[in-house]
Amino acid sequence: SESEEKVVIVHSDIARIFEVGEEVNVSISKIMGMKAIWWSYVCPLILMLLSLFILGDFGLSEAATGLITLGIAAVYFFVLYLMRDKLEREIIFKIDKI
């Protein structure tokens, strides 16, 4: 967000030209932003909707279907967490002085 102060760790080859505590603009390309949105919002939404529809057809109760769907989402985000190092290398940040 533009109005909030946030702490972000960015690995960069040009880090030596910045000082600790210096205000900078951190941005990513539109493609990288779309990739981040895909992995964090769209993919889990599709996974949860598919699991709801598929499990609903098996005749499970709504409570069981909901709990299993939440469990699937939890497993998805745990796997995403385990892959954080790989994803961190794929998303490239751009740093500019203000």
PDB file of N, CA and C in Angstrom:
ATOM      1  N   SER A   1       0.837  -1.178   0.000  1.00  0.00           N
ATOM      2  CA  SER A   1       0.000   0.000   0.000  1.00  0.00           C
ATOM      3  C   SER A   1       0.876   1.233   0.000  1.00  0.00           C
ATOM      4  N   GLU A   2       0.446   2.259  -0.664  1.00  0.00           N
ATOM      5  CA  GLU A   2       1.260   3.457  -0.793  1.00  0.00           C
ATOM      6  C   GLU A   2       1.348   4.253   0.497  1.00  0.00           C
ATOM      7  N   SER A   3       0.348   4.178   1.349  1.00  0.00           N
ATOM      8  CA  SER A   3       0.301   5.047   2.516  1.00  0.00           C
ATOM      9  C   SER A   3       0.857   4.411   3.781  1.00  0.00           C
ATOM     10  N   GLU A   4       1.179   3.155   3.761  1.00  0.00           N
ATOM     11  CA  GLU A   4       1.659   2.480   4.954  1.00  0.00           C
ATOM     12  C   GLU A   4       3.153   2.213   4.862  1.00  0.00           C
ATOM     13  N   GLU A   5       3.791   2.198   6.016  1.00  0.00           N
ATOM     14  CA  GLU A   5       5.201   1.853   6.069  1.00  0.00           C
ATOM     15  C   GLU A   5       5.314   0.355   6.302  1.00  0.00           C
ATOM     16  N   LYS A   6       6.109  -0.314   5.480  1.00  0.00           N
ATOM     17  CA  LYS A   6       6.260  -1.755   5.601  1.00  0.00           C
ATOM     18  C   LYS A   6       7.745  -2.105   5.580  1.00  0.00           C
ATOM     19  N   VAL A   7       8.081  -3.199   6.212  1.00  0.00           N
ATOM     20  CA  VAL A   7       9.442  -3.702   6.191  1.00  0.00           C
ATOM     21  C   VAL A   7       9.465  -4.889   5.239  1.00  0.00           C
ATOM     22  N   VAL A   8      10.305  -4.792   4.210  1.00  0.00           N
ATOM     23  CA  VAL A   8      10.408  -5.841   3.203  1.00  0.00           C
ATOM     24  C   VAL A   8      11.880  -6.177   3.022  1.00  0.00           C
ATOM     25  N   ILE A   9      12.204  -7.446   3.005  1.00  0.00           N
ATOM     26  CA  ILE A   9      13.571  -7.874   2.746  1.00  0.00           C
ATOM     27  C   ILE A   9      13.669  -8.245   1.272  1.00  0.00           C
ATOM     28  N   VAL A  10      14.554  -7.557   0.566  1.00  0.00           N
ATOM     29  CA  VAL A  10      14.735  -7.778  -0.868  1.00  0.00           C
ATOM     30  C   VAL A  10      16.199  -8.097  -1.105  1.00  0.00           C
ATOM     31  N   HIS A  11      16.468  -9.216  -1.727  1.00  0.00           N
ATOM     32  CA  HIS A  11      17.830  -9.593  -2.081  1.00  0.00           C
ATOM     33  C   HIS A  11      18.148  -8.957  -3.428  1.00  0.00           C
ATOM     34  N   SER A  12      19.223  -8.164  -3.464  1.00  0.00           N
ATOM     35  CA  SER A  12      19.535  -7.437  -4.684  1.00  0.00           C
ATOM     36  C   SER A  12      21.045  -7.287  -4.830  1.00  0.00           C
ATOM     37  N   ASP A  13      21.491  -7.266  -6.080  1.00  0.00           N
ATOM     38  CA  ASP A  13      22.909  -7.054  -6.357  1.00  0.00           C
ATOM     39  C   ASP A  13      23.319  -5.607  -6.102  1.00  0.00           C
ATOM     40  N   ILE A  14      22.365  -4.682  -6.148  1.00  0.00           N
ATOM     41  CA  ILE A  14      22.682  -3.266  -5.967  1.00  0.00           C
ATOM     42  C   ILE A  14      22.397  -2.785  -4.540  1.00  0.00           C
ATOM     43  N   ALA A  15      22.277  -3.700  -3.610  1.00  0.00           N
ATOM     44  CA  ALA A  15      21.926  -3.352  -2.226  1.00  0.00           C
ATOM     45  C   ALA A  15      22.965  -2.449  -1.583  1.00  0.00           C
ATOM     46  N   ARG A  16      24.187  -2.500  -2.027  1.00  0.00           N
ATOM     47  CA  ARG A  16      25.245  -1.714  -1.385  1.00  0.00           C
ATOM     48  C   ARG A  16      25.076  -0.209  -1.584  1.00  0.00           C
ATOM     49  N   ILE A  17      24.271   0.231  -2.547  1.00  0.00           N
ATOM     50  CA  ILE A  17      24.089   1.677  -2.752  1.00  0.00           C
ATOM     51  C   ILE A  17      23.001   2.251  -1.840  1.00  0.00           C
ATOM     52  N   PHE A  18      22.312   1.388  -1.107  1.00  0.00           N
ATOM     53  CA  PHE A  18      21.263   1.835  -0.199  1.00  0.00           C
ATOM     54  C   PHE A  18      21.749   1.741   1.237  1.00  0.00           C
ATOM     55  N   GLU A  19      21.247   2.620   2.086  1.00  0.00           N
ATOM     56  CA  GLU A  19      21.580   2.601   3.501  1.00  0.00           C
ATOM     57  C   GLU A  19      20.424   1.981   4.284  1.00  0.00           C
ATOM     58  N   VAL A  20      20.724   1.399   5.421  1.00  0.00           N
ATOM     59  CA  VAL A  20      19.693   0.821   6.282  1.00  0.00           C
ATOM     60  C   VAL A  20      18.762   1.946   6.733  1.00  0.00           C
ATOM     61  N   GLY A  21      17.456   1.725   6.606  1.00  0.00           N
ATOM     62  CA  GLY A  21      16.465   2.705   7.010  1.00  0.00           C
ATOM     63  C   GLY A  21      16.107   3.717   5.929  1.00  0.00           C
ATOM     64  N   GLU A  22      16.785   3.662   4.790  1.00  0.00           N
ATOM     65  CA  GLU A  22      16.500   4.601   3.705  1.00  0.00           C
ATOM     66  C   GLU A  22      15.144   4.272   3.069  1.00  0.00           C
ATOM     67  N   GLU A  23      14.382   5.306   2.725  1.00  0.00           N
ATOM     68  CA  GLU A  23      13.091   5.097   2.089  1.00  0.00           C
ATOM     69  C   GLU A  23      13.296   4.834   0.602  1.00  0.00           C
ATOM     70  N   VAL A  24      12.654   3.791   0.121  1.00  0.00           N
ATOM     71  CA  VAL A  24      12.767   3.401  -1.283  1.00  0.00           C
ATOM     72  C   VAL A  24      11.399   2.965  -1.808  1.00  0.00           C
ATOM     73  N   ASN A  25      11.287   2.912  -3.105  1.00  0.00           N
ATOM     74  CA  ASN A  25      10.116   2.313  -3.757  1.00  0.00           C
ATOM     75  C   ASN A  25      10.483   0.889  -4.138  1.00  0.00           C
ATOM     76  N   VAL A  26       9.666  -0.056  -3.730  1.00  0.00           N
ATOM     77  CA  VAL A  26       9.861  -1.460  -4.103  1.00  0.00           C
ATOM     78  C   VAL A  26       8.694  -1.846  -4.984  1.00  0.00           C
ATOM     79  N   SER A  27       8.998  -2.375  -6.160  1.00  0.00           N
ATOM     80  CA  SER A  27       7.932  -2.741  -7.091  1.00  0.00           C
ATOM     81  C   SER A  27       8.289  -4.038  -7.805  1.00  0.00           C
ATOM     82  N   ILE A  28       7.281  -4.606  -8.431  1.00  0.00           N
ATOM     83  CA  ILE A  28       7.483  -5.787  -9.258  1.00  0.00           C
ATOM     84  C   ILE A  28       6.774  -5.548 -10.583  1.00  0.00           C
ATOM     85  N   SER A  29       7.146  -6.304 -11.578  1.00  0.00           N
ATOM     86  CA  SER A  29       6.512  -6.155 -12.888  1.00  0.00           C
ATOM     87  C   SER A  29       5.078  -6.677 -12.834  1.00  0.00           C
ATOM     88  N   LYS A  30       4.303  -6.287 -13.808  1.00  0.00           N
ATOM     89  CA  LYS A  30       2.902  -6.723 -13.863  1.00  0.00           C
ATOM     90  C   LYS A  30       2.807  -8.241 -13.964  1.00  0.00           C
ATOM     91  N   ILE A  31       3.677  -8.849 -14.741  1.00  0.00           N
ATOM     92  CA  ILE A  31       3.678 -10.317 -14.901  1.00  0.00           C
ATOM     93  C   ILE A  31       3.967 -10.991 -13.563  1.00  0.00           C
ATOM     94  N   MET A  32       4.957 -10.470 -12.834  1.00  0.00           N
ATOM     95  CA  MET A  32       5.289 -11.045 -11.526  1.00  0.00           C
ATOM     96  C   MET A  32       4.126 -10.866 -10.551  1.00  0.00           C
ATOM     97  N   GLY A  33       3.451  -9.720 -10.611  1.00  0.00           N
ATOM     98  CA  GLY A  33       2.287  -9.491  -9.763  1.00  0.00           C
ATOM     99  C   GLY A  33       1.168 -10.463 -10.076  1.00  0.00           C
ATOM    100  N   MET A  34       0.935 -10.705 -11.353  1.00  0.00           N
ATOM    101  CA  MET A  34      -0.099 -11.658 -11.756  1.00  0.00           C
ATOM    102  C   MET A  34       0.258 -13.072 -11.302  1.00  0.00           C
ATOM    103  N   LYS A  35       1.524 -13.410 -11.364  1.00  0.00           N
ATOM    104  CA  LYS A  35       1.970 -14.734 -10.891  1.00  0.00           C
ATOM    105  C   LYS A  35       1.723 -14.869  -9.387  1.00  0.00           C
ATOM    106  N   ALA A  36       2.026 -13.820  -8.635  1.00  0.00           N
ATOM    107  CA  ALA A  36       1.801 -13.849  -7.185  1.00  0.00           C
ATOM    108  C   ALA A  36       0.312 -13.967  -6.870  1.00  0.00           C
ATOM    109  N   ILE A  37      -0.527 -13.242  -7.607  1.00  0.00           N
ATOM    110  CA  ILE A  37      -1.981 -13.336  -7.408  1.00  0.00           C
ATOM    111  C   ILE A  37      -2.473 -14.737  -7.735  1.00  0.00           C
ATOM    112  N   TRP A  38      -1.949 -15.323  -8.809  1.00  0.00           N
ATOM    113  CA  TRP A  38      -2.344 -16.684  -9.203  1.00  0.00           C
ATOM    114  C   TRP A  38      -2.073 -17.663  -8.071  1.00  0.00           C
ATOM    115  N   TRP A  39      -0.837 -17.677  -7.545  1.00  0.00           N
ATOM    116  CA  TRP A  39      -0.455 -18.656  -6.529  1.00  0.00           C
ATOM    117  C   TRP A  39      -1.114 -18.410  -5.180  1.00  0.00           C
ATOM    118  N   SER A  40      -1.405 -17.149  -4.856  1.00  0.00           N
ATOM    119  CA  SER A  40      -1.935 -16.876  -3.522  1.00  0.00           C
ATOM    120  C   SER A  40      -3.454 -16.794  -3.449  1.00  0.00           C
ATOM    121  N   TYR A  41      -4.129 -16.495  -4.565  1.00  0.00           N
ATOM    122  CA  TYR A  41      -5.582 -16.332  -4.525  1.00  0.00           C
ATOM    123  C   TYR A  41      -6.339 -17.242  -5.496  1.00  0.00           C
ATOM    124  N   VAL A  42      -5.975 -17.198  -6.764  1.00  0.00           N
ATOM    125  CA  VAL A  42      -6.759 -17.883  -7.799  1.00  0.00           C
ATOM    126  C   VAL A  42      -6.643 -19.399  -7.676  1.00  0.00           C
ATOM    127  N   CYS A  43      -5.430 -19.896  -7.585  1.00  0.00           N
ATOM    128  CA  CYS A  43      -5.226 -21.348  -7.518  1.00  0.00           C
ATOM    129  C   CYS A  43      -5.908 -21.973  -6.289  1.00  0.00           C
ATOM    130  N   PRO A  44      -5.753 -21.410  -5.080  1.00  0.00           N
ATOM    131  CA  PRO A  44      -6.460 -22.012  -3.948  1.00  0.00           C
ATOM    132  C   PRO A  44      -7.974 -21.898  -4.054  1.00  0.00           C
ATOM    133  N   LEU A  45      -8.474 -20.809  -4.652  1.00  0.00           N
ATOM    134  CA  LEU A  45      -9.918 -20.672  -4.841  1.00  0.00           C
ATOM    135  C   LEU A  45     -10.449 -21.772  -5.755  1.00  0.00           C
ATOM    136  N   ILE A  46      -9.771 -22.006  -6.862  1.00  0.00           N
ATOM    137  CA  ILE A  46     -10.173 -23.066  -7.794  1.00  0.00           C
ATOM    138  C   ILE A  46     -10.111 -24.418  -7.094  1.00  0.00           C
ATOM    139  N   LEU A  47      -9.045 -24.655  -6.352  1.00  0.00           N
ATOM    140  CA  LEU A  47      -8.882 -25.924  -5.632  1.00  0.00           C
ATOM    141  C   LEU A  47     -10.006 -26.131  -4.623  1.00  0.00           C
ATOM    142  N   MET A  48     -10.362 -25.080  -3.903  1.00  0.00           N
ATOM    143  CA  MET A  48     -11.427 -25.201  -2.899  1.00  0.00           C
ATOM    144  C   MET A  48     -12.794 -25.408  -3.549  1.00  0.00           C
ATOM    145  N   LEU A  49     -13.068 -24.686  -4.644  1.00  0.00           N
ATOM    146  CA  LEU A  49     -14.350 -24.869  -5.326  1.00  0.00           C
ATOM    147  C   LEU A  49     -14.474 -26.270  -5.906  1.00  0.00           C
ATOM    148  N   LEU A  50     -13.409 -26.756  -6.529  1.00  0.00           N
ATOM    149  CA  LEU A  50     -13.437 -28.121  -7.068  1.00  0.00           C
ATOM    150  C   LEU A  50     -13.667 -29.147  -5.957  1.00  0.00           C
ATOM    151  N   SER A  51     -12.978 -28.966  -4.837  1.00  0.00           N
ATOM    152  CA  SER A  51     -13.158 -29.932  -3.748  1.00  0.00           C
ATOM    153  C   SER A  51     -14.572 -29.853  -3.176  1.00  0.00           C
ATOM    154  N   LEU A  52     -15.146 -28.665  -3.101  1.00  0.00           N
ATOM    155  CA  LEU A  52     -16.529 -28.547  -2.632  1.00  0.00           C
ATOM    156  C   LEU A  52     -17.493 -29.293  -3.538  1.00  0.00           C
ATOM    157  N   PHE A  53     -17.360 -29.085  -4.850  1.00  0.00           N
ATOM    158  CA  PHE A  53     -18.273 -29.740  -5.797  1.00  0.00           C
ATOM    159  C   PHE A  53     -18.067 -31.248  -5.837  1.00  0.00           C
ATOM    160  N   ILE A  54     -16.827 -31.687  -5.838  1.00  0.00           N
ATOM    161  CA  ILE A  54     -16.545 -33.119  -5.918  1.00  0.00           C
ATOM    162  C   ILE A  54     -16.974 -33.829  -4.637  1.00  0.00           C
ATOM    163  N   LEU A  55     -16.621 -33.254  -3.482  1.00  0.00           N
ATOM    164  CA  LEU A  55     -16.996 -33.888  -2.219  1.00  0.00           C
ATOM    165  C   LEU A  55     -18.498 -33.828  -1.978  1.00  0.00           C
ATOM    166  N   GLY A  56     -19.154 -32.797  -2.481  1.00  0.00           N
ATOM    167  CA  GLY A  56     -20.606 -32.688  -2.348  1.00  0.00           C
ATOM    168  C   GLY A  56     -21.328 -33.786  -3.101  1.00  0.00           C
ATOM    169  N   ASP A  57     -20.738 -34.236  -4.216  1.00  0.00           N
ATOM    170  CA  ASP A  57     -21.342 -35.316  -5.000  1.00  0.00           C
ATOM    171  C   ASP A  57     -21.209 -36.686  -4.336  1.00  0.00           C
ATOM    172  N   PHE A  58     -20.288 -36.821  -3.385  1.00  0.00           N
ATOM    173  CA  PHE A  58     -20.106 -38.092  -2.702  1.00  0.00           C
ATOM    174  C   PHE A  58     -21.106 -38.302  -1.580  1.00  0.00           C
ATOM    175  N   GLY A  59     -21.954 -37.328  -1.332  1.00  0.00           N
ATOM    176  CA  GLY A  59     -22.985 -37.470  -0.321  1.00  0.00           C
ATOM    177  C   GLY A  59     -22.518 -37.217   1.099  1.00  0.00           C
ATOM    178  N   LEU A  60     -21.370 -36.585   1.254  1.00  0.00           N
ATOM    179  CA  LEU A  60     -20.908 -36.239   2.602  1.00  0.00           C
ATOM    180  C   LEU A  60     -21.752 -35.098   3.153  1.00  0.00           C
ATOM    181  N   SER A  61     -21.762 -34.965   4.452  1.00  0.00           N
ATOM    182  CA  SER A  61     -22.502 -33.861   5.057  1.00  0.00           C
ATOM    183  C   SER A  61     -21.804 -32.547   4.706  1.00  0.00           C
ATOM    184  N   GLU A  62     -22.554 -31.451   4.828  1.00  0.00           N
ATOM    185  CA  GLU A  62     -21.982 -30.145   4.513  1.00  0.00           C
ATOM    186  C   GLU A  62     -20.820 -29.807   5.448  1.00  0.00           C
ATOM    187  N   ALA A  63     -20.960 -30.188   6.703  1.00  0.00           N
ATOM    188  CA  ALA A  63     -19.893 -29.923   7.667  1.00  0.00           C
ATOM    189  C   ALA A  63     -18.615 -30.674   7.291  1.00  0.00           C
ATOM    190  N   ALA A  64     -18.750 -31.948   6.949  1.00  0.00           N
ATOM    191  CA  ALA A  64     -17.582 -32.750   6.563  1.00  0.00           C
ATOM    192  C   ALA A  64     -16.957 -32.202   5.287  1.00  0.00           C
ATOM    193  N   THR A  65     -17.805 -31.846   4.316  1.00  0.00           N
ATOM    194  CA  THR A  65     -17.299 -31.287   3.061  1.00  0.00           C
ATOM    195  C   THR A  65     -16.536 -29.990   3.329  1.00  0.00           C
ATOM    196  N   GLY A  66     -17.097 -29.122   4.159  1.00  0.00           N
ATOM    197  CA  GLY A  66     -16.433 -27.868   4.488  1.00  0.00           C
ATOM    198  C   GLY A  66     -15.114 -28.064   5.203  1.00  0.00           C
ATOM    199  N   LEU A  67     -15.089 -28.971   6.164  1.00  0.00           N
ATOM    200  CA  LEU A  67     -13.855 -29.227   6.906  1.00  0.00           C
ATOM    201  C   LEU A  67     -12.772 -29.832   6.023  1.00  0.00           C
ATOM    202  N   ILE A  68     -13.145 -30.755   5.165  1.00  0.00           N
ATOM    203  CA  ILE A  68     -12.166 -31.357   4.257  1.00  0.00           C
ATOM    204  C   ILE A  68     -11.638 -30.306   3.284  1.00  0.00           C
ATOM    205  N   THR A  69     -12.529 -29.445   2.792  1.00  0.00           N
ATOM    206  CA  THR A  69     -12.120 -28.381   1.876  1.00  0.00           C
ATOM    207  C   THR A  69     -11.147 -27.423   2.556  1.00  0.00           C
ATOM    208  N   LEU A  70     -11.427 -27.061   3.804  1.00  0.00           N
ATOM    209  CA  LEU A  70     -10.494 -26.209   4.549  1.00  0.00           C
ATOM    210  C   LEU A  70      -9.165 -26.916   4.782  1.00  0.00           C
ATOM    211  N   GLY A  71      -9.220 -28.220   5.023  1.00  0.00           N
ATOM    212  CA  GLY A  71      -7.994 -29.002   5.182  1.00  0.00           C
ATOM    213  C   GLY A  71      -7.166 -29.016   3.914  1.00  0.00           C
ATOM    214  N   ILE A  72      -7.837 -29.136   2.767  1.00  0.00           N
ATOM    215  CA  ILE A  72      -7.138 -29.110   1.481  1.00  0.00           C
ATOM    216  C   ILE A  72      -6.476 -27.754   1.277  1.00  0.00           C
ATOM    217  N   ALA A  73      -7.182 -26.680   1.633  1.00  0.00           N
ATOM    218  CA  ALA A  73      -6.606 -25.338   1.520  1.00  0.00           C
ATOM    219  C   ALA A  73      -5.401 -25.186   2.445  1.00  0.00           C
ATOM    220  N   ALA A  74      -5.501 -25.734   3.650  1.00  0.00           N
ATOM    221  CA  ALA A  74      -4.384 -25.657   4.594  1.00  0.00           C
ATOM    222  C   ALA A  74      -3.166 -26.404   4.060  1.00  0.00           C
ATOM    223  N   VAL A  75      -3.387 -27.572   3.480  1.00  0.00           N
ATOM    224  CA  VAL A  75      -2.284 -28.339   2.896  1.00  0.00           C
ATOM    225  C   VAL A  75      -1.670 -27.564   1.732  1.00  0.00           C
ATOM    226  N   TYR A  76      -2.511 -26.947   0.898  1.00  0.00           N
ATOM    227  CA  TYR A  76      -2.023 -26.157  -0.227  1.00  0.00           C
ATOM    228  C   TYR A  76      -1.104 -25.036   0.258  1.00  0.00           C
ATOM    229  N   PHE A  77      -1.551 -24.277   1.269  1.00  0.00           N
ATOM    230  CA  PHE A  77      -0.738 -23.162   1.757  1.00  0.00           C
ATOM    231  C   PHE A  77       0.512 -23.650   2.485  1.00  0.00           C
ATOM    232  N   PHE A  78       0.461 -24.816   3.094  1.00  0.00           N
ATOM    233  CA  PHE A  78       1.652 -25.386   3.713  1.00  0.00           C
ATOM    234  C   PHE A  78       2.673 -25.758   2.639  1.00  0.00           C
ATOM    235  N   VAL A  79       2.220 -26.370   1.555  1.00  0.00           N
ATOM    236  CA  VAL A  79       3.121 -26.703   0.441  1.00  0.00           C
ATOM    237  C   VAL A  79       3.690 -25.418  -0.159  1.00  0.00           C
ATOM    238  N   LEU A  80       2.865 -24.396  -0.313  1.00  0.00           N
ATOM    239  CA  LEU A  80       3.329 -23.108  -0.816  1.00  0.00           C
ATOM    240  C   LEU A  80       4.403 -22.534   0.114  1.00  0.00           C
ATOM    241  N   TYR A  81       4.196 -22.687   1.418  1.00  0.00           N
ATOM    242  CA  TYR A  81       5.186 -22.240   2.399  1.00  0.00           C
ATOM    243  C   TYR A  81       6.500 -23.010   2.229  1.00  0.00           C
ATOM    244  N   LEU A  82       6.415 -24.309   2.013  1.00  0.00           N
ATOM    245  CA  LEU A  82       7.622 -25.115   1.822  1.00  0.00           C
ATOM    246  C   LEU A  82       8.360 -24.727   0.549  1.00  0.00           C
ATOM    247  N   MET A  83       7.638 -24.217  -0.444  1.00  0.00           N
ATOM    248  CA  MET A  83       8.242 -23.818  -1.719  1.00  0.00           C
ATOM    249  C   MET A  83       8.652 -22.344  -1.739  1.00  0.00           C
ATOM    250  N   ARG A  84       8.636 -21.678  -0.588  1.00  0.00           N
ATOM    251  CA  ARG A  84       8.870 -20.239  -0.532  1.00  0.00           C
ATOM    252  C   ARG A  84      10.233 -19.846  -1.087  1.00  0.00           C
ATOM    253  N   ASP A  85      11.257 -20.672  -0.888  1.00  0.00           N
ATOM    254  CA  ASP A  85      12.583 -20.336  -1.401  1.00  0.00           C
ATOM    255  C   ASP A  85      12.595 -20.330  -2.926  1.00  0.00           C
ATOM    256  N   LYS A  86      11.934 -21.314  -3.519  1.00  0.00           N
ATOM    257  CA  LYS A  86      11.849 -21.370  -4.989  1.00  0.00           C
ATOM    258  C   LYS A  86      11.047 -20.192  -5.523  1.00  0.00           C
ATOM    259  N   LEU A  87       9.931 -19.896  -4.896  1.00  0.00           N
ATOM    260  CA  LEU A  87       9.097 -18.778  -5.332  1.00  0.00           C
ATOM    261  C   LEU A  87       9.805 -17.443  -5.119  1.00  0.00           C
ATOM    262  N   GLU A  88      10.581 -17.344  -4.059  1.00  0.00           N
ATOM    263  CA  GLU A  88      11.327 -16.123  -3.768  1.00  0.00           C
ATOM    264  C   GLU A  88      12.331 -15.814  -4.866  1.00  0.00           C
ATOM    265  N   ARG A  89      12.904 -16.844  -5.459  1.00  0.00           N
ATOM    266  CA  ARG A  89      13.868 -16.637  -6.551  1.00  0.00           C
ATOM    267  C   ARG A  89      13.175 -16.258  -7.849  1.00  0.00           C
ATOM    268  N   GLU A  90      11.910 -16.657  -8.024  1.00  0.00           N
ATOM    269  CA  GLU A  90      11.192 -16.385  -9.270  1.00  0.00           C
ATOM    270  C   GLU A  90      10.638 -14.974  -9.343  1.00  0.00           C
ATOM    271  N   ILE A  91      10.246 -14.410  -8.205  1.00  0.00           N
ATOM    272  CA  ILE A  91       9.655 -13.078  -8.204  1.00  0.00           C
ATOM    273  C   ILE A  91      10.760 -12.055  -7.997  1.00  0.00           C
ATOM    274  N   ILE A  92      10.942 -11.202  -8.981  1.00  0.00           N
ATOM    275  CA  ILE A  92      12.034 -10.244  -8.985  1.00  0.00           C
ATOM    276  C   ILE A  92      11.516  -8.862  -8.620  1.00  0.00           C
ATOM    277  N   PHE A  93      12.098  -8.267  -7.601  1.00  0.00           N
ATOM    278  CA  PHE A  93      11.717  -6.942  -7.148  1.00  0.00           C
ATOM    279  C   PHE A  93      12.630  -5.887  -7.766  1.00  0.00           C
ATOM    280  N   LYS A  94      12.091  -4.713  -7.972  1.00  0.00           N
ATOM    281  CA  LYS A  94      12.847  -3.571  -8.471  1.00  0.00           C
ATOM    282  C   LYS A  94      12.886  -2.532  -7.353  1.00  0.00           C
ATOM    283  N   ILE A  95      14.063  -1.975  -7.072  1.00  0.00           N
ATOM    284  CA  ILE A  95      14.230  -1.006  -5.999  1.00  0.00           C
ATOM    285  C   ILE A  95      14.676   0.317  -6.616  1.00  0.00           C
ATOM    286  N   ASP A  96      13.991   1.395  -6.243  1.00  0.00           N
ATOM    287  CA  ASP A  96      14.342   2.747  -6.704  1.00  0.00           C
ATOM    288  C   ASP A  96      14.438   3.656  -5.497  1.00  0.00           C
ATOM    289  N   LYS A  97      15.403   4.590  -5.533  1.00  0.00           N
ATOM    290  CA  LYS A  97      15.481   5.603  -4.479  1.00  0.00           C
ATOM    291  C   LYS A  97      14.331   6.575  -4.650  1.00  0.00           C
ATOM    292  N   ILE A  98      13.860   7.097  -3.516  1.00  0.00           N
ATOM    293  CA  ILE A  98      12.781   8.087  -3.566  1.00  0.00           C
ATOM    294  C   ILE A  98      13.387   9.468  -3.714  1.00  0.00           C
TER     295      ILE A  98
END
